[in-house]
Amino acid sequence: MEQTTYRLGCDIGGTFTDFVLVNNKTGEFYTNKCLTTPSDPSDAVEQGIRELNETKPGFMDTVEE
């Protein structure tokens, strides 16, 4: 059986950091939005990925891009 893989996209904006997680097999997608942290934008990226992982546990093991 082929393992489901995901693609994760992130856009860091001035106010919000947006995320999209796409199931490569089904095309199903999940989105998330966090406040951008101007002092360290990577904080918002980390927070958004953690929140997506609550929605779709374990997806990080299969992210391709």
PDB file of N, CA and C in Angstrom:
ATOM      1  N   MET A   1       0.840  -1.180   0.000  1.00  0.00           N
ATOM      2  CA  MET A   1       0.000   0.000   0.000  1.00  0.00           C
ATOM      3  C   MET A   1       0.890   1.250   0.000  1.00  0.00           C
ATOM      4  N   GLU A   2       0.576   2.184  -0.857  1.00  0.00           N
ATOM      5  CA  GLU A   2       1.360   3.413  -0.983  1.00  0.00           C
ATOM      6  C   GLU A   2       1.079   4.343   0.194  1.00  0.00           C
ATOM      7  N   GLN A   3       2.146   4.878   0.773  1.00  0.00           N
ATOM      8  CA  GLN A   3       2.007   5.790   1.904  1.00  0.00           C
ATOM      9  C   GLN A   3       1.515   7.145   1.414  1.00  0.00           C
ATOM     10  N   THR A   4       0.582   7.734   2.153  1.00  0.00           N
ATOM     11  CA  THR A   4       0.110   9.072   1.838  1.00  0.00           C
ATOM     12  C   THR A   4       1.198  10.076   2.191  1.00  0.00           C
ATOM     13  N   THR A   5       1.465  10.990   1.274  1.00  0.00           N
ATOM     14  CA  THR A   5       2.433  12.050   1.531  1.00  0.00           C
ATOM     15  C   THR A   5       1.727  13.397   1.444  1.00  0.00           C
ATOM     16  N   TYR A   6       2.354  14.404   2.018  1.00  0.00           N
ATOM     17  CA  TYR A   6       1.777  15.741   2.074  1.00  0.00           C
ATOM     18  C   TYR A   6       2.775  16.772   1.574  1.00  0.00           C
ATOM     19  N   ARG A   7       2.235  17.905   1.121  1.00  0.00           N
ATOM     20  CA  ARG A   7       3.033  19.090   0.816  1.00  0.00           C
ATOM     21  C   ARG A   7       2.580  20.186   1.766  1.00  0.00           C
ATOM     22  N   LEU A   8       3.516  20.961   2.257  1.00  0.00           N
ATOM     23  CA  LEU A   8       3.221  22.037   3.195  1.00  0.00           C
ATOM     24  C   LEU A   8       3.705  23.347   2.606  1.00  0.00           C
ATOM     25  N   GLY A   9       2.809  24.315   2.537  1.00  0.00           N
ATOM     26  CA  GLY A   9       3.165  25.644   2.057  1.00  0.00           C
ATOM     27  C   GLY A   9       2.956  26.659   3.168  1.00  0.00           C
ATOM     28  N   CYS A  10       3.784  27.695   3.156  1.00  0.00           N
ATOM     29  CA  CYS A  10       3.734  28.717   4.198  1.00  0.00           C
ATOM     30  C   CYS A  10       3.997  30.080   3.560  1.00  0.00           C
ATOM     31  N   ASP A  11       3.200  31.081   3.937  1.00  0.00           N
ATOM     32  CA  ASP A  11       3.392  32.450   3.462  1.00  0.00           C
ATOM     33  C   ASP A  11       3.468  33.361   4.681  1.00  0.00           C
ATOM     34  N   ILE A  12       4.636  33.935   4.909  1.00  0.00           N
ATOM     35  CA  ILE A  12       4.824  34.831   6.049  1.00  0.00           C
ATOM     36  C   ILE A  12       4.514  36.244   5.595  1.00  0.00           C
ATOM     37  N   GLY A  13       3.439  36.806   6.140  1.00  0.00           N
ATOM     38  CA  GLY A  13       3.039  38.162   5.793  1.00  0.00           C
ATOM     39  C   GLY A  13       3.306  39.112   6.948  1.00  0.00           C
ATOM     40  N   GLY A  14       2.955  40.358   6.750  1.00  0.00           N
ATOM     41  CA  GLY A  14       3.193  41.368   7.770  1.00  0.00           C
ATOM     42  C   GLY A  14       2.326  41.202   9.000  1.00  0.00           C
ATOM     43  N   THR A  15       1.093  40.718   8.813  1.00  0.00           N
ATOM     44  CA  THR A  15       0.172  40.534   9.932  1.00  0.00           C
ATOM     45  C   THR A  15      -0.045  39.068  10.254  1.00  0.00           C
ATOM     46  N   PHE A  16      -0.252  38.257   9.206  1.00  0.00           N
ATOM     47  CA  PHE A  16      -0.541  36.839   9.402  1.00  0.00           C
ATOM     48  C   PHE A  16       0.451  35.961   8.654  1.00  0.00           C
ATOM     49  N   THR A  17       0.642  34.762   9.171  1.00  0.00           N
ATOM     50  CA  THR A  17       1.388  33.711   8.489  1.00  0.00           C
ATOM     51  C   THR A  17       0.370  32.637   8.141  1.00  0.00           C
ATOM     52  N   ASP A  18       0.273  32.315   6.851  1.00  0.00           N
ATOM     53  CA  ASP A  18      -0.727  31.372   6.354  1.00  0.00           C
ATOM     54  C   ASP A  18      -0.078  30.052   5.975  1.00  0.00           C
ATOM     55  N   PHE A  19      -0.830  28.974   6.165  1.00  0.00           N
ATOM     56  CA  PHE A  19      -0.342  27.628   5.884  1.00  0.00           C
ATOM     57  C   PHE A  19      -1.374  26.862   5.076  1.00  0.00           C
ATOM     58  N   VAL A  20      -0.890  25.983   4.218  1.00  0.00           N
ATOM     59  CA  VAL A  20      -1.755  25.013   3.552  1.00  0.00           C
ATOM     60  C   VAL A  20      -1.021  23.675   3.547  1.00  0.00           C
ATOM     61  N   LEU A  21      -1.744  22.633   3.891  1.00  0.00           N
ATOM     62  CA  LEU A  21      -1.226  21.270   3.917  1.00  0.00           C
ATOM     63  C   LEU A  21      -2.061  20.475   2.929  1.00  0.00           C
ATOM     64  N   VAL A  22      -1.420  19.874   1.915  1.00  0.00           N
ATOM     65  CA  VAL A  22      -2.134  19.174   0.846  1.00  0.00           C
ATOM     66  C   VAL A  22      -1.784  17.694   0.874  1.00  0.00           C
ATOM     67  N   ASN A  23      -2.814  16.854   0.859  1.00  0.00           N
ATOM     68  CA  ASN A  23      -2.649  15.409   0.738  1.00  0.00           C
ATOM     69  C   ASN A  23      -2.364  15.114  -0.730  1.00  0.00           C
ATOM     70  N   ASN A  24      -1.184  14.607  -1.051  1.00  0.00           N
ATOM     71  CA  ASN A  24      -0.802  14.363  -2.446  1.00  0.00           C
ATOM     72  C   ASN A  24      -1.644  13.293  -3.117  1.00  0.00           C
ATOM     73  N   LYS A  25      -2.217  12.402  -2.337  1.00  0.00           N
ATOM     74  CA  LYS A  25      -2.993  11.295  -2.897  1.00  0.00           C
ATOM     75  C   LYS A  25      -4.430  11.705  -3.223  1.00  0.00           C
ATOM     76  N   THR A  26      -5.070  12.450  -2.312  1.00  0.00           N
ATOM     77  CA  THR A  26      -6.492  12.766  -2.467  1.00  0.00           C
ATOM     78  C   THR A  26      -6.761  14.209  -2.875  1.00  0.00           C
ATOM     79  N   GLY A  27      -5.779  15.086  -2.695  1.00  0.00           N
ATOM     80  CA  GLY A  27      -5.987  16.503  -2.968  1.00  0.00           C
ATOM     81  C   GLY A  27      -6.658  17.238  -1.815  1.00  0.00           C
ATOM     82  N   GLU A  28      -7.038  16.502  -0.775  1.00  0.00           N
ATOM     83  CA  GLU A  28      -7.639  17.125   0.398  1.00  0.00           C
ATOM     84  C   GLU A  28      -6.634  18.106   1.003  1.00  0.00           C
ATOM     85  N   PHE A  29      -7.139  19.235   1.506  1.00  0.00           N
ATOM     86  CA  PHE A  29      -6.215  20.210   2.080  1.00  0.00           C
ATOM     87  C   PHE A  29      -6.734  20.762   3.397  1.00  0.00           C
ATOM     88  N   TYR A  30      -5.796  21.242   4.186  1.00  0.00           N
ATOM     89  CA  TYR A  30      -6.061  21.836   5.489  1.00  0.00           C
ATOM     90  C   TYR A  30      -5.356  23.184   5.505  1.00  0.00           C
ATOM     91  N   THR A  31      -5.958  24.165   6.152  1.00  0.00           N
ATOM     92  CA  THR A  31      -5.348  25.494   6.230  1.00  0.00           C
ATOM     93  C   THR A  31      -5.217  25.925   7.683  1.00  0.00           C
ATOM     94  N   ASN A  32      -4.350  26.887   7.887  1.00  0.00           N
ATOM     95  CA  ASN A  32      -4.165  27.468   9.212  1.00  0.00           C
ATOM     96  C   ASN A  32      -3.649  28.891   9.032  1.00  0.00           C
ATOM     97  N   LYS A  33      -3.885  29.711  10.028  1.00  0.00           N
ATOM     98  CA  LYS A  33      -3.437  31.108  10.005  1.00  0.00           C
ATOM     99  C   LYS A  33      -3.010  31.480  11.418  1.00  0.00           C
ATOM    100  N   CYS A  34      -1.834  32.094  11.529  1.00  0.00           N
ATOM    101  CA  CYS A  34      -1.306  32.555  12.826  1.00  0.00           C
ATOM    102  C   CYS A  34      -0.884  34.008  12.690  1.00  0.00           C
ATOM    103  N   LEU A  35      -0.850  34.698  13.808  1.00  0.00           N
ATOM    104  CA  LEU A  35      -0.277  36.039  13.798  1.00  0.00           C
ATOM    105  C   LEU A  35       1.225  35.931  13.548  1.00  0.00           C
ATOM    106  N   THR A  36       1.727  36.781  12.661  1.00  0.00           N
ATOM    107  CA  THR A  36       3.166  36.827  12.407  1.00  0.00           C
ATOM    108  C   THR A  36       3.861  37.435  13.622  1.00  0.00           C
ATOM    109  N   THR A  37       5.025  36.913  13.925  1.00  0.00           N
ATOM    110  CA  THR A  37       5.830  37.446  15.028  1.00  0.00           C
ATOM    111  C   THR A  37       7.001  38.213  14.408  1.00  0.00           C
ATOM    112  N   PRO A  38       6.859  39.551  14.270  1.00  0.00           N
ATOM    113  CA  PRO A  38       7.875  40.343  13.571  1.00  0.00           C
ATOM    114  C   PRO A  38       9.288  40.196  14.135  1.00  0.00           C
ATOM    115  N   SER A  39       9.414  40.004  15.432  1.00  0.00           N
ATOM    116  CA  SER A  39      10.756  39.891  16.018  1.00  0.00           C
ATOM    117  C   SER A  39      11.451  38.597  15.600  1.00  0.00           C
ATOM    118  N   ASP A  40      10.657  37.551  15.306  1.00  0.00           N
ATOM    119  CA  ASP A  40      11.219  36.276  14.851  1.00  0.00           C
ATOM    120  C   ASP A  40      10.131  35.503  14.105  1.00  0.00           C
ATOM    121  N   PRO A  41      10.011  35.705  12.781  1.00  0.00           N
ATOM    122  CA  PRO A  41       8.955  35.053  12.006  1.00  0.00           C
ATOM    123  C   PRO A  41       8.939  33.532  12.123  1.00  0.00           C
ATOM    124  N   SER A  42      10.067  32.927  12.470  1.00  0.00           N
ATOM    125  CA  SER A  42      10.091  31.471  12.597  1.00  0.00           C
ATOM    126  C   SER A  42       9.216  30.990  13.757  1.00  0.00           C
ATOM    127  N   ASP A  43       8.957  31.859  14.739  1.00  0.00           N
ATOM    128  CA  ASP A  43       8.063  31.482  15.845  1.00  0.00           C
ATOM    129  C   ASP A  43       6.656  31.203  15.329  1.00  0.00           C
ATOM    130  N   ALA A  44       6.162  32.050  14.423  1.00  0.00           N
ATOM    131  CA  ALA A  44       4.826  31.843  13.857  1.00  0.00           C
ATOM    132  C   ALA A  44       4.796  30.590  12.994  1.00  0.00           C
ATOM    133  N   VAL A  45       5.876  30.325  12.272  1.00  0.00           N
ATOM    134  CA  VAL A  45       5.944  29.115  11.443  1.00  0.00           C
ATOM    135  C   VAL A  45       5.878  27.881  12.338  1.00  0.00           C
ATOM    136  N   GLU A  46       6.645  27.886  13.397  1.00  0.00           N
ATOM    137  CA  GLU A  46       6.640  26.750  14.326  1.00  0.00           C
ATOM    138  C   GLU A  46       5.254  26.554  14.940  1.00  0.00           C
ATOM    139  N   GLN A  47       4.623  27.636  15.361  1.00  0.00           N
ATOM    140  CA  GLN A  47       3.292  27.560  15.961  1.00  0.00           C
ATOM    141  C   GLN A  47       2.284  27.002  14.960  1.00  0.00           C
ATOM    142  N   GLY A  48       2.321  27.503  13.735  1.00  0.00           N
ATOM    143  CA  GLY A  48       1.373  27.047  12.718  1.00  0.00           C
ATOM    144  C   GLY A  48       1.526  25.579  12.387  1.00  0.00           C
ATOM    145  N   ILE A  49       2.753  25.107  12.319  1.00  0.00           N
ATOM    146  CA  ILE A  49       2.995  23.688  12.035  1.00  0.00           C
ATOM    147  C   ILE A  49       2.508  22.831  13.199  1.00  0.00           C
ATOM    148  N   ARG A  50       2.757  23.274  14.422  1.00  0.00           N
ATOM    149  CA  ARG A  50       2.253  22.524  15.588  1.00  0.00           C
ATOM    150  C   ARG A  50       0.731  22.439  15.561  1.00  0.00           C
ATOM    151  N   GLU A  51       0.056  23.546  15.220  1.00  0.00           N
ATOM    152  CA  GLU A  51      -1.404  23.551  15.168  1.00  0.00           C
ATOM    153  C   GLU A  51      -1.919  22.638  14.057  1.00  0.00           C
ATOM    154  N   LEU A  52      -1.261  22.637  12.893  1.00  0.00           N
ATOM    155  CA  LEU A  52      -1.656  21.713  11.827  1.00  0.00           C
ATOM    156  C   LEU A  52      -1.460  20.269  12.263  1.00  0.00           C
ATOM    157  N   ASN A  53      -0.419  20.015  13.023  1.00  0.00           N
ATOM    158  CA  ASN A  53      -0.161  18.656  13.496  1.00  0.00           C
ATOM    159  C   ASN A  53      -1.254  18.187  14.461  1.00  0.00           C
ATOM    160  N   GLU A  54      -1.916  19.119  15.149  1.00  0.00           N
ATOM    161  CA  GLU A  54      -3.055  18.758  15.995  1.00  0.00           C
ATOM    162  C   GLU A  54      -4.249  18.363  15.135  1.00  0.00           C
ATOM    163  N   THR A  55      -4.400  19.014  13.980  1.00  0.00           N
ATOM    164  CA  THR A  55      -5.488  18.701  13.057  1.00  0.00           C
ATOM    165  C   THR A  55      -5.239  17.388  12.335  1.00  0.00           C
ATOM    166  N   LYS A  56      -4.012  17.174  11.911  1.00  0.00           N
ATOM    167  CA  LYS A  56      -3.628  15.981  11.138  1.00  0.00           C
ATOM    168  C   LYS A  56      -2.383  15.377  11.777  1.00  0.00           C
ATOM    169  N   PRO A  57      -2.540  14.661  12.902  1.00  0.00           N
ATOM    170  CA  PRO A  57      -1.377  14.125  13.626  1.00  0.00           C
ATOM    171  C   PRO A  57      -0.484  13.247  12.749  1.00  0.00           C
ATOM    172  N   GLY A  58       0.828  13.458  12.887  1.00  0.00           N
ATOM    173  CA  GLY A  58       1.805  12.625  12.199  1.00  0.00           C
ATOM    174  C   GLY A  58       2.130  13.032  10.776  1.00  0.00           C
ATOM    175  N   PHE A  59       1.516  14.102  10.266  1.00  0.00           N
ATOM    176  CA  PHE A  59       1.755  14.467   8.869  1.00  0.00           C
ATOM    177  C   PHE A  59       3.212  14.812   8.604  1.00  0.00           C
ATOM    178  N   MET A  60       3.916  15.333   9.597  1.00  0.00           N
ATOM    179  CA  MET A  60       5.307  15.746   9.371  1.00  0.00           C
ATOM    180  C   MET A  60       6.203  14.583   8.973  1.00  0.00           C
ATOM    181  N   ASP A  61       5.825  13.370   9.310  1.00  0.00           N
ATOM    182  CA  ASP A  61       6.616  12.201   8.922  1.00  0.00           C
ATOM    183  C   ASP A  61       6.562  11.943   7.425  1.00  0.00           C
ATOM    184  N   THR A  62       5.580  12.555   6.734  1.00  0.00           N
ATOM    185  CA  THR A  62       5.391  12.257   5.311  1.00  0.00           C
ATOM    186  C   THR A  62       5.392  13.494   4.423  1.00  0.00           C
ATOM    187  N   VAL A  63       5.872  14.637   4.922  1.00  0.00           N
ATOM    188  CA  VAL A  63       5.941  15.850   4.100  1.00  0.00           C
ATOM    189  C   VAL A  63       7.053  15.693   3.075  1.00  0.00           C
ATOM    190  N   GLU A  64       6.721  15.959   1.798  1.00  0.00           N
ATOM    191  CA  GLU A  64       7.711  15.868   0.720  1.00  0.00           C
ATOM    192  C   GLU A  64       8.342  17.210   0.407  1.00  0.00           C
ATOM    193  N   GLU A  65       7.588  18.301   0.487  1.00  0.00           N
ATOM    194  CA  GLU A  65       8.092  19.636   0.141  1.00  0.00           C
ATOM    195  C   GLU A  65       7.681  20.622   1.211  1.00  0.00           C
TER     196      GLU A  65
END
